[in-house]
C-alpha atoms as a PDB file:
ATOM      1  CA  UNK A   1       0.000   0.000   0.000  1.00  0.00           C
ATOM      2  CA  UNK A   2       1.176   3.494  -0.818  1.00  0.00           C
ATOM      3  CA  UNK A   3       2.188   5.370   2.336  1.00  0.00           C
ATOM      4  CA  UNK A   4       1.050   8.968   2.658  1.00  0.00           C
ATOM      5  CA  UNK A   5       2.626  11.299   5.168  1.00  0.00           C
ATOM      6  CA  UNK A   6      -0.054  13.698   6.331  1.00  0.00           C
ATOM      7  CA  UNK A   7       0.967  17.138   7.583  1.00  0.00           C
ATOM      8  CA  UNK A   8       0.862  17.871  11.291  1.00  0.00           C
ATOM      9  CA  UNK A   9      -1.154  20.649  12.930  1.00  0.00           C
ATOM     10  CA  UNK A  10      -3.510  21.538  10.086  1.00  0.00           C
ATOM     11  CA  UNK A  11      -6.890  20.318   8.862  1.00  0.00           C
ATOM     12  CA  UNK A  12      -5.402  17.537   6.747  1.00  0.00           C
ATOM     13  CA  UNK A  13      -4.109  15.841   9.902  1.00  0.00           C
ATOM     14  CA  UNK A  14      -7.263  16.497  11.941  1.00  0.00           C
ATOM     15  CA  UNK A  15      -9.860  13.829  12.761  1.00  0.00           C
ATOM     16  CA  UNK A  16     -12.635  16.273  11.778  1.00  0.00           C
ATOM     17  CA  UNK A  17     -11.397  16.721   8.170  1.00  0.00           C
ATOM     18  CA  UNK A  18     -13.768  14.534   6.111  1.00  0.00           C
ATOM     19  CA  UNK A  19     -11.715  13.975   2.970  1.00  0.00           C
ATOM     20  CA  UNK A  20     -13.419  12.005   0.204  1.00  0.00           C
ATOM     21  CA  UNK A  21     -10.136  10.584  -1.095  1.00  0.00           C
ATOM     22  CA  UNK A  22      -7.898   9.368   1.753  1.00  0.00           C
ATOM     23  CA  UNK A  23      -5.578   7.621  -0.709  1.00  0.00           C
ATOM     24  CA  UNK A  24      -4.573  10.878  -2.389  1.00  0.00           C
ATOM     25  CA  UNK A  25      -5.179  13.429   0.361  1.00  0.00           C
ATOM     26  CA  UNK A  26      -2.981  16.513   0.303  1.00  0.00           C
ATOM     27  CA  UNK A  27      -2.862  20.074   1.606  1.00  0.00           C
ATOM     28  CA  UNK A  28      -4.864  21.417  -1.336  1.00  0.00           C
ATOM     29  CA  UNK A  29      -7.833  19.085  -0.802  1.00  0.00           C
ATOM     30  CA  UNK A  30     -11.081  20.668   0.287  1.00  0.00           C
ATOM     31  CA  UNK A  31     -13.439  18.817   2.600  1.00  0.00           C
ATOM     32  CA  UNK A  32     -16.143  19.353   5.188  1.00  0.00           C
ATOM     33  CA  UNK A  33     -15.175  20.001   8.781  1.00  0.00           C
ATOM     34  CA  UNK A  34     -17.329  17.584  10.758  1.00  0.00           C
ATOM     35  CA  UNK A  35     -16.484  18.803  14.263  1.00  0.00           C
ATOM     36  CA  UNK A  36     -19.726  18.671  16.316  1.00  0.00           C
ATOM     37  CA  UNK A  37     -19.487  22.375  17.219  1.00  0.00           C
ATOM     38  CA  UNK A  38     -18.855  23.427  13.607  1.00  0.00           C
ATOM     39  CA  UNK A  39     -20.934  20.885  11.707  1.00  0.00           C
ATOM     40  CA  UNK A  40     -24.020  23.132  11.705  1.00  0.00           C
ATOM     41  CA  UNK A  41     -22.116  25.666   9.578  1.00  0.00           C
ATOM     42  CA  UNK A  42     -21.258  23.078   6.888  1.00  0.00           C
ATOM     43  CA  UNK A  43     -17.741  24.492   6.628  1.00  0.00           C
ATOM     44  CA  UNK A  44     -15.585  23.458   3.734  1.00  0.00           C
ATOM     45  CA  UNK A  45     -11.906  23.872   4.521  1.00  0.00           C
ATOM     46  CA  UNK A  46      -8.654  23.049   2.778  1.00  0.00           C
ATOM     47  CA  UNK A  47      -6.082  20.623   4.121  1.00  0.00           C
ATOM     48  CA  UNK A  48      -3.735  23.489   4.918  1.00  0.00           C
ATOM     49  CA  UNK A  49      -6.208  25.398   7.144  1.00  0.00           C
ATOM     50  CA  UNK A  50      -5.986  25.479  10.961  1.00  0.00           C
ATOM     51  CA  UNK A  51      -8.309  26.134  13.898  1.00  0.00           C
ATOM     52  CA  UNK A  52      -8.340  25.862  17.669  1.00  0.00           C
ATOM     53  CA  UNK A  53     -10.504  22.697  17.619  1.00  0.00           C
ATOM     54  CA  UNK A  54      -7.756  20.626  15.986  1.00  0.00           C
ATOM     55  CA  UNK A  55      -7.451  16.998  17.109  1.00  0.00           C
ATOM     56  CA  UNK A  56      -4.703  14.962  15.509  1.00  0.00           C
ATOM     57  CA  UNK A  57      -5.747  11.889  13.576  1.00  0.00           C
ATOM     58  CA  UNK A  58      -3.905   8.718  14.575  1.00  0.00           C
ATOM     59  CA  UNK A  59      -1.897   6.783  11.998  1.00  0.00           C
ATOM     60  CA  UNK A  60      -4.121   3.711  12.446  1.00  0.00           C
ATOM     61  CA  UNK A  61      -7.182   5.862  11.623  1.00  0.00           C
ATOM     62  CA  UNK A  62      -5.486   7.063   8.433  1.00  0.00           C
ATOM     63  CA  UNK A  63      -4.622   3.487   7.481  1.00  0.00           C
ATOM     64  CA  UNK A  64      -8.190   2.346   8.178  1.00  0.00           C
ATOM     65  CA  UNK A  65      -9.605   5.104   5.939  1.00  0.00           C
ATOM     66  CA  UNK A  66      -7.137   4.154   3.202  1.00  0.00           C
ATOM     67  CA  UNK A  67      -7.983   0.444   3.474  1.00  0.00           C
ATOM     68  CA  UNK A  68     -11.711   1.209   3.225  1.00  0.00           C
ATOM     69  CA  UNK A  69     -11.096   3.411   0.173  1.00  0.00           C
ATOM     70  CA  UNK A  70      -9.032   0.657  -1.470  1.00  0.00           C
ATOM     71  CA  UNK A  71     -11.799  -1.900  -0.889  1.00  0.00           C
ATOM     72  CA  UNK A  72     -14.354   0.494  -2.347  1.00  0.00           C
ATOM     73  CA  UNK A  73     -12.107   1.141  -5.339  1.00  0.00           C
ATOM     74  CA  UNK A  74     -11.687  -2.611  -5.933  1.00  0.00           C
ATOM     75  CA  UNK A  75     -15.479  -3.115  -5.825  1.00  0.00           C
ATOM     76  CA  UNK A  76     -16.147  -0.423  -8.409  1.00  0.00           C
ATOM     77  CA  UNK A  77     -13.103  -1.199 -10.560  1.00  0.00           C
END
């Protein structure tokens, strides 16, 4: 599996960044912020944005998202 190093301290490396493509995620991706306090605003942020509600995503969570995306890709491919 292709390893992706996600940036630290910005939206791309936050658990609330709901990227649609975890296999190719980068700083220029745009995705919804799904933090419970911000979800009502339906914010779309880029991977390079920051905020004070940042919570770092764990490597195993990244790998799980990538594995799920790979399985989905294999189904449709």
